[in-house]
N, C-alpha and C. Protein backbone atom coordinates (compact mmCIF):
# COMPACT_ATOMS: atom_id res chain seq x y z
N MET A 1 62.90 268.16 65.26
CA MET A 1 63.18 266.61 65.25
C MET A 1 62.61 265.50 66.72
N THR A 2 61.67 266.59 66.89
CA THR A 2 60.25 266.08 67.39
C THR A 2 59.21 265.37 66.70
N ARG A 3 59.10 265.96 65.57
CA ARG A 3 58.20 265.05 64.75
C ARG A 3 58.72 263.55 64.90
N HIS A 4 59.62 264.30 64.38
CA HIS A 4 60.57 263.05 63.77
C HIS A 4 60.96 261.77 64.79
N ARG A 5 60.90 261.79 65.98
CA ARG A 5 61.33 261.28 66.94
C ARG A 5 59.75 260.55 67.49
N GLN A 6 58.55 261.40 68.03
CA GLN A 6 57.64 260.82 67.90
C GLN A 6 57.22 259.62 66.79
N THR A 7 57.25 260.00 65.38
CA THR A 7 56.74 258.99 64.52
C THR A 7 57.44 258.23 64.75
N ILE A 8 58.66 257.83 65.47
CA ILE A 8 59.42 256.82 65.43
C ILE A 8 59.06 255.98 66.26
N ALA A 9 58.55 256.27 67.25
CA ALA A 9 57.84 255.85 69.02
C ALA A 9 56.81 255.25 68.46
N VAL A 10 55.81 255.98 68.04
CA VAL A 10 54.73 255.14 67.54
C VAL A 10 55.10 254.14 66.35
N LEU A 11 55.72 254.48 65.41
CA LEU A 11 56.00 253.05 65.09
C LEU A 11 56.72 252.07 65.40
N ALA A 12 57.54 252.30 66.45
CA ALA A 12 57.83 251.15 67.29
C ALA A 12 57.44 250.17 68.16
N LEU A 13 56.30 250.97 68.54
CA LEU A 13 55.43 250.62 69.38
C LEU A 13 54.24 249.71 68.67
N LEU A 14 53.72 250.09 67.28
CA LEU A 14 52.93 249.21 66.55
C LEU A 14 53.73 247.82 66.05
N GLY A 15 55.34 248.22 65.75
CA GLY A 15 55.96 246.90 65.30
C GLY A 15 56.30 246.34 66.77
N TRP A 16 56.72 246.48 67.79
CA TRP A 16 56.71 245.83 69.47
C TRP A 16 55.36 245.17 69.29
N PHE A 17 54.25 245.32 69.13
CA PHE A 17 53.37 245.01 69.39
C PHE A 17 52.91 243.53 68.03
N VAL A 18 53.53 244.01 67.38
CA VAL A 18 52.89 242.48 65.91
C VAL A 18 54.10 241.89 66.39
N ALA A 19 55.40 241.78 66.91
CA ALA A 19 56.58 241.37 67.01
C ALA A 19 56.11 240.22 68.37
N LEU A 20 56.00 241.09 69.59
CA LEU A 20 54.56 240.39 70.81
C LEU A 20 53.96 239.40 70.49
N TYR A 21 53.12 239.49 69.50
CA TYR A 21 52.32 238.56 68.86
C TYR A 21 52.94 237.43 68.36
N LEU A 22 53.55 237.24 67.72
CA LEU A 22 54.30 236.24 67.07
C LEU A 22 55.26 235.95 67.70
N TRP A 23 56.08 236.49 69.10
CA TRP A 23 56.81 236.24 70.00
C TRP A 23 55.73 234.94 70.65
N LEU A 24 54.83 235.27 71.53
CA LEU A 24 53.58 234.76 71.95
C LEU A 24 53.19 233.48 71.47
N HIS A 25 53.00 233.49 70.07
CA HIS A 25 52.67 232.57 69.20
C HIS A 25 53.74 231.57 69.19
N ALA A 26 54.95 232.21 68.66
CA ALA A 26 56.50 231.25 69.05
C ALA A 26 56.11 230.54 70.35
N LEU A 27 56.18 231.06 71.97
CA LEU A 27 55.89 230.21 72.97
C LEU A 27 55.04 229.39 73.41
N GLY A 28 53.90 229.43 72.16
CA GLY A 28 52.61 228.61 72.65
C GLY A 28 51.46 229.30 73.24
N VAL A 29 51.99 230.33 73.74
CA VAL A 29 50.97 231.79 74.71
C VAL A 29 49.23 231.58 73.96
N GLY A 30 50.21 232.70 72.53
CA GLY A 30 49.32 233.28 71.56
C GLY A 30 47.84 232.18 71.04
N GLY A 31 48.23 231.04 70.81
CA GLY A 31 46.84 230.30 70.41
C GLY A 31 47.62 230.32 68.81
N GLU A 32 46.75 230.35 67.62
CA GLU A 32 46.70 229.67 66.50
C GLU A 32 46.72 231.30 65.32
N LEU A 33 48.05 231.34 64.81
CA LEU A 33 47.49 232.99 63.96
C LEU A 33 47.35 232.91 63.11
N LYS A 34 46.11 234.35 63.43
CA LYS A 34 45.58 234.55 62.36
C LYS A 34 46.09 235.08 61.00
N CYS A 35 46.10 234.13 59.66
CA CYS A 35 46.88 234.44 58.87
C CYS A 35 46.05 235.02 57.90
N GLY A 36 45.21 233.80 57.47
CA GLY A 36 44.69 233.58 56.42
C GLY A 36 44.64 232.65 55.10
N THR A 37 45.99 233.01 55.26
CA THR A 37 46.79 232.37 53.65
C THR A 37 47.31 230.92 54.33
N GLY A 38 47.92 230.81 55.40
CA GLY A 38 48.13 229.46 55.98
C GLY A 38 50.18 229.63 55.98
N GLY A 39 50.37 230.73 54.81
CA GLY A 39 51.84 230.89 55.21
C GLY A 39 52.69 231.25 56.41
N CYS A 40 51.97 232.18 57.26
CA CYS A 40 52.33 232.55 58.68
C CYS A 40 52.48 231.01 59.27
N ASP A 41 51.42 230.54 59.66
CA ASP A 41 52.18 228.85 60.04
C ASP A 41 53.71 228.20 59.55
N THR A 42 53.26 228.28 58.10
CA THR A 42 55.01 227.76 57.09
C THR A 42 56.14 227.95 57.86
N VAL A 43 55.62 229.85 57.51
CA VAL A 43 56.76 230.79 58.10
C VAL A 43 57.46 229.49 59.51
N GLN A 44 56.27 230.69 60.39
CA GLN A 44 56.78 230.31 61.90
C GLN A 44 57.12 228.67 62.48
N THR A 45 56.94 227.80 61.36
CA THR A 45 57.17 226.53 61.36
C THR A 45 58.25 226.13 61.40
N SER A 46 58.96 226.81 59.99
CA SER A 46 60.33 226.17 59.63
C SER A 46 61.38 226.72 60.17
N ARG A 47 62.39 225.80 59.46
CA ARG A 47 64.45 225.81 60.41
C ARG A 47 64.49 227.48 60.90
N TRP A 48 63.99 228.20 60.10
CA TRP A 48 64.29 229.96 59.92
C TRP A 48 64.10 230.71 61.01
N ALA A 49 62.91 230.21 61.76
CA ALA A 49 62.51 230.67 62.99
C ALA A 49 62.95 230.88 63.66
N GLU A 50 64.00 230.51 64.49
CA GLU A 50 64.50 230.54 65.35
C GLU A 50 65.86 230.85 64.72
N PHE A 51 66.58 231.44 65.47
CA PHE A 51 68.34 232.41 65.26
C PHE A 51 68.77 232.36 66.34
N LEU A 52 69.71 231.39 67.07
CA LEU A 52 70.81 231.47 67.67
C LEU A 52 69.67 230.61 68.60
N GLY A 53 68.98 229.39 68.25
CA GLY A 53 67.99 229.15 69.73
C GLY A 53 67.19 229.95 70.28
N VAL A 54 66.89 230.82 69.79
CA VAL A 54 66.06 232.00 70.40
C VAL A 54 64.53 232.54 69.29
N PRO A 55 63.31 232.40 69.02
CA PRO A 55 62.54 232.41 68.09
C PRO A 55 62.85 234.16 67.93
N VAL A 56 62.78 233.78 66.24
CA VAL A 56 63.10 235.46 65.87
C VAL A 56 62.33 236.74 66.17
N ALA A 57 61.23 236.13 66.67
CA ALA A 57 59.90 237.13 66.66
C ALA A 57 60.71 237.86 68.35
N PHE A 58 61.73 237.07 68.66
CA PHE A 58 61.72 237.71 70.12
C PHE A 58 62.90 239.02 70.07
N TYR A 59 63.61 238.33 69.00
CA TYR A 59 63.94 239.81 68.57
C TYR A 59 63.73 241.00 67.78
N GLY A 60 62.59 240.96 67.25
CA GLY A 60 61.73 242.10 67.14
C GLY A 60 61.15 242.59 67.93
N VAL A 61 60.98 242.24 69.37
CA VAL A 61 60.02 242.62 70.19
C VAL A 61 61.72 243.42 71.22
N VAL A 62 63.18 242.52 71.08
CA VAL A 62 63.81 243.52 71.55
C VAL A 62 64.09 244.85 71.23
N GLY A 63 64.37 244.65 69.09
CA GLY A 63 64.29 245.95 68.90
C GLY A 63 63.71 246.82 68.78
N TYR A 64 62.37 246.46 68.29
CA TYR A 64 61.69 247.72 68.99
C TYR A 64 61.56 248.36 70.09
N ALA A 65 61.41 247.38 71.10
CA ALA A 65 61.38 247.74 72.65
C ALA A 65 62.47 249.32 72.68
N ALA A 66 63.94 248.60 72.13
CA ALA A 66 65.08 249.29 72.22
C ALA A 66 65.20 250.96 71.47
N ILE A 67 64.11 250.99 70.41
CA ILE A 67 64.33 251.71 69.15
C ILE A 67 63.14 252.97 69.96
N LEU A 68 61.98 252.13 70.71
CA LEU A 68 61.10 252.79 71.85
C LEU A 68 61.61 253.68 72.03
N ALA A 69 62.76 253.29 73.25
CA ALA A 69 62.97 254.18 74.71
C ALA A 69 63.84 255.11 73.92
N VAL A 70 65.12 254.75 72.67
CA VAL A 70 65.81 255.39 73.10
C VAL A 70 64.96 256.99 71.81
N ALA A 71 63.53 256.24 71.37
CA ALA A 71 62.79 257.96 70.88
C ALA A 71 62.38 258.02 72.08
N LEU A 72 61.98 258.05 73.06
CA LEU A 72 61.12 258.51 74.33
C LEU A 72 62.46 259.29 74.79
N MET A 73 63.25 258.39 75.10
CA MET A 73 64.82 259.43 76.38
C MET A 73 65.12 260.73 75.04
N GLY A 74 65.12 260.47 73.56
CA GLY A 74 65.43 261.12 73.00
C GLY A 74 64.63 262.82 72.95
N LEU A 75 62.94 262.56 73.38
CA LEU A 75 62.10 263.87 73.19
C LEU A 75 62.12 264.09 74.56
N GLN A 76 63.32 263.61 75.24
CA GLN A 76 63.31 264.93 76.70
C GLN A 76 63.52 265.67 76.66
N PRO A 77 63.15 266.77 77.26
CA PRO A 77 63.78 268.32 77.15
C PRO A 77 65.67 268.33 77.00
N ALA A 78 66.11 267.51 78.52
CA ALA A 78 67.28 267.17 78.25
C ALA A 78 68.58 266.87 77.06
N TRP A 79 67.55 266.31 75.90
CA TRP A 79 68.25 264.98 74.95
C TRP A 79 67.37 265.69 73.74
N LEU A 80 66.68 266.65 73.70
CA LEU A 80 65.66 267.11 71.86
C LEU A 80 66.68 267.32 71.34
N GLU A 81 67.54 268.43 71.64
CA GLU A 81 68.94 268.73 70.59
C GLU A 81 69.83 268.58 70.59
N ARG A 82 69.68 267.30 71.29
CA ARG A 82 71.86 265.93 71.36
C ARG A 82 71.47 265.39 70.22
N ARG A 83 72.54 265.33 69.52
CA ARG A 83 72.21 264.43 68.32
C ARG A 83 72.48 262.84 68.32
N GLY A 84 72.63 262.40 69.42
CA GLY A 84 73.10 261.10 70.25
C GLY A 84 71.78 260.24 69.88
N PRO A 85 70.72 260.49 70.48
CA PRO A 85 69.77 259.33 69.62
C PRO A 85 69.29 259.77 68.72
N THR A 86 69.64 260.66 68.06
CA THR A 86 69.25 260.38 66.81
C THR A 86 70.15 259.52 65.58
N VAL A 87 71.64 259.60 66.40
CA VAL A 87 72.88 258.61 65.90
C VAL A 87 72.48 257.03 65.75
N LEU A 88 71.61 257.00 67.36
CA LEU A 88 71.66 255.88 67.61
C LEU A 88 70.21 255.26 66.80
N LEU A 89 69.00 256.31 66.97
CA LEU A 89 67.73 255.95 66.07
C LEU A 89 68.17 255.49 64.84
N ALA A 90 69.20 256.12 63.52
CA ALA A 90 69.35 255.79 62.77
C ALA A 90 70.05 254.52 62.47
N ALA A 91 71.20 253.99 63.50
CA ALA A 91 71.99 252.78 63.93
C ALA A 91 71.22 251.72 64.02
N LEU A 92 69.93 252.00 65.36
CA LEU A 92 69.13 250.75 65.40
C LEU A 92 68.52 250.43 64.47
N ALA A 93 67.74 251.35 63.94
CA ALA A 93 66.82 251.54 62.61
C ALA A 93 67.19 250.51 61.53
N THR A 94 68.58 251.00 60.77
CA THR A 94 69.31 250.33 59.99
C THR A 94 69.76 248.49 60.12
N GLY A 95 70.03 248.51 61.24
CA GLY A 95 69.93 247.23 61.67
C GLY A 95 68.90 246.27 62.03
N GLY A 96 67.67 247.11 61.92
CA GLY A 96 66.71 246.70 62.12
C GLY A 96 66.02 245.84 60.86
N VAL A 97 66.20 246.89 59.89
CA VAL A 97 66.39 246.71 58.40
C VAL A 97 66.79 245.41 57.80
N LEU A 98 67.74 245.91 58.22
CA LEU A 98 68.91 244.67 57.56
C LEU A 98 68.14 243.01 58.14
N PHE A 99 67.97 243.00 58.93
CA PHE A 99 67.10 242.26 59.30
C PHE A 99 66.36 241.60 59.21
N SER A 100 65.37 242.74 58.67
CA SER A 100 64.24 242.28 58.52
C SER A 100 64.19 241.64 56.91
N GLY A 101 65.21 242.39 56.37
CA GLY A 101 64.96 242.64 54.72
C GLY A 101 65.72 240.66 54.78
N TRP A 102 66.78 240.55 55.69
CA TRP A 102 66.93 239.18 55.50
C TRP A 102 65.68 238.01 55.52
N LEU A 103 65.05 238.30 56.66
CA LEU A 103 63.91 237.71 57.19
C LEU A 103 62.71 237.20 55.18
N THR A 104 62.81 238.55 55.43
CA THR A 104 61.99 238.72 53.94
C THR A 104 62.69 237.75 52.78
N TYR A 105 63.66 237.91 52.72
CA TYR A 105 64.22 236.85 51.51
C TYR A 105 64.39 235.80 51.72
N LEU A 106 64.72 235.35 53.37
CA LEU A 106 63.93 233.87 53.73
C LEU A 106 62.98 233.28 53.17
N GLU A 107 61.38 233.78 53.30
CA GLU A 107 60.89 234.13 53.42
C GLU A 107 60.42 233.73 51.76
N VAL A 108 60.36 234.35 51.07
CA VAL A 108 60.16 234.86 49.61
C VAL A 108 61.17 233.21 48.75
N PHE A 109 62.23 233.37 48.61
CA PHE A 109 63.24 232.56 47.90
C PHE A 109 63.60 230.92 49.06
N ILE A 110 63.49 230.74 49.92
CA ILE A 110 63.94 229.78 50.60
C ILE A 110 62.72 229.19 51.41
N ILE A 111 62.22 229.77 52.17
CA ILE A 111 60.82 228.66 52.46
C ILE A 111 59.57 229.09 51.85
N GLN A 112 59.01 229.76 50.78
CA GLN A 112 58.91 230.07 50.08
C GLN A 112 57.24 230.00 50.55
N ALA A 113 56.98 230.97 51.50
CA ALA A 113 55.18 231.14 52.29
C ALA A 113 56.07 232.47 52.38
N ILE A 114 54.37 233.52 52.99
CA ILE A 114 54.63 234.53 53.09
C ILE A 114 53.71 234.81 54.38
N CYS A 115 54.71 235.49 55.52
CA CYS A 115 53.77 235.69 56.67
C CYS A 115 53.51 236.88 56.70
N ARG A 116 52.06 237.36 56.92
CA ARG A 116 51.53 238.91 56.55
C ARG A 116 51.87 239.78 58.17
N TRP A 117 52.20 238.95 58.89
CA TRP A 117 52.14 239.43 59.89
C TRP A 117 54.30 240.12 60.12
N CYS A 118 54.91 239.42 59.43
CA CYS A 118 56.30 239.30 59.10
C CYS A 118 56.60 240.20 58.13
N VAL A 119 55.48 240.83 57.06
CA VAL A 119 56.20 241.71 56.02
C VAL A 119 54.45 242.84 56.70
N THR A 120 54.15 243.02 57.53
CA THR A 120 54.00 244.06 58.31
C THR A 120 54.92 244.83 59.41
N SER A 121 55.89 244.31 59.77
CA SER A 121 56.95 244.21 60.54
C SER A 121 57.59 244.81 60.27
N ALA A 122 58.17 244.41 59.02
CA ALA A 122 59.01 245.04 58.04
C ALA A 122 58.75 245.94 57.19
N ALA A 123 57.68 245.90 57.02
CA ALA A 123 57.03 247.32 56.19
C ALA A 123 57.33 248.61 57.76
N ILE A 124 56.92 248.48 58.48
CA ILE A 124 56.87 249.22 59.79
C ILE A 124 58.32 249.02 59.64
N MET A 125 59.37 248.60 59.87
CA MET A 125 60.60 248.79 59.61
C MET A 125 61.49 249.80 59.23
N THR A 126 60.56 249.21 57.63
CA THR A 126 61.32 250.29 56.57
C THR A 126 61.21 251.64 56.51
N VAL A 127 59.56 251.67 57.39
CA VAL A 127 59.37 253.53 57.24
C VAL A 127 60.15 253.74 58.91
N LEU A 128 59.92 253.34 59.58
CA LEU A 128 60.54 253.77 60.78
C LEU A 128 62.42 253.64 60.22
N TRP A 129 62.74 252.98 59.38
CA TRP A 129 64.22 252.90 58.94
C TRP A 129 63.95 254.80 58.16
N GLY A 130 63.47 254.80 57.37
CA GLY A 130 63.24 255.98 56.60
C GLY A 130 62.91 257.13 57.17
N VAL A 131 62.36 257.48 58.13
CA VAL A 131 61.86 258.64 59.10
C VAL A 131 63.34 258.83 60.04
N ALA A 132 63.97 257.47 60.16
CA ALA A 132 65.04 257.39 61.50
C ALA A 132 66.76 258.57 60.50
N VAL A 133 66.67 258.18 59.34
CA VAL A 133 67.89 258.21 58.21
C VAL A 133 67.34 259.71 57.63
N HIS A 134 65.95 259.99 57.43
CA HIS A 134 66.01 261.30 57.12
C HIS A 134 66.32 262.32 58.48
N GLU A 135 65.87 262.33 59.53
CA GLU A 135 66.46 262.51 60.76
C GLU A 135 68.16 262.96 60.50
N TRP A 136 68.30 262.10 60.80
CA TRP A 136 69.66 261.74 60.93
C TRP A 136 70.45 262.87 59.96
N ALA A 137 70.09 262.51 58.04
CA ALA A 137 70.47 263.25 57.29
C ALA A 137 69.91 265.05 57.59
N VAL A 138 68.69 265.43 57.72
CA VAL A 138 68.62 266.31 57.87
C VAL A 138 69.43 267.54 59.05
N GLY A 139 69.70 266.42 60.41
CA GLY A 139 70.46 267.39 61.55
C GLY A 139 71.99 267.08 60.62
N ARG A 140 72.44 266.58 60.26
CA ARG A 140 73.80 266.89 58.96
C ARG A 140 73.57 267.69 58.57
N THR A 141 72.57 268.31 57.56
CA THR A 141 73.37 268.91 56.44
C THR A 141 71.94 270.54 56.87
N HIS A 142 71.41 270.41 58.13
CA HIS A 142 71.30 271.57 59.20
C HIS A 142 71.71 271.46 60.30
N PRO A 143 72.58 271.73 60.94
CA PRO A 143 73.43 271.54 62.42
C PRO A 143 72.66 272.62 63.44
N ARG A 144 72.29 272.59 64.54
CA ARG A 144 71.63 273.54 65.01
C ARG A 144 72.88 273.68 65.85
N PRO A 145 72.75 275.06 66.48
CA PRO A 145 73.63 275.47 67.45
C PRO A 145 74.04 275.22 68.57
N THR A 146 74.93 275.28 68.79
CA THR A 146 74.92 274.56 70.42
C THR A 146 74.95 275.96 71.52
N ALA A 147 74.34 275.64 72.50
CA ALA A 147 74.72 276.77 73.43
C ALA A 147 75.18 276.61 74.52
């Protein structure tokens, strides 16, 4: 479990930085996006760049921060053998990968432009989800004895 939670924490931190970069851009603080193709600007200025009046990247900042916090909490000795963090990480990552999938669908089929930063975030979330679900599945098939 330790290795999985450490991996999840590192991935969440990487994703948090990507989401923070996009959020700062959405706030007008980050300057011009460094994308190379122009697709980032098309995506970031589309009507889909906000959800419920909030920049989509902010949801990424909050989501990655929540996953990072749970992963770090789960690495504490008192929580290391408990299943709660594992289940919560799998649930948060599932929500994140579903949201990322929806946003990727919008990019490809509705906006018809690709933001490299958004794809990077979606890839990070997908790998993070895989690690979280693997930890959850291993814990279900090989339960640890309780003391």
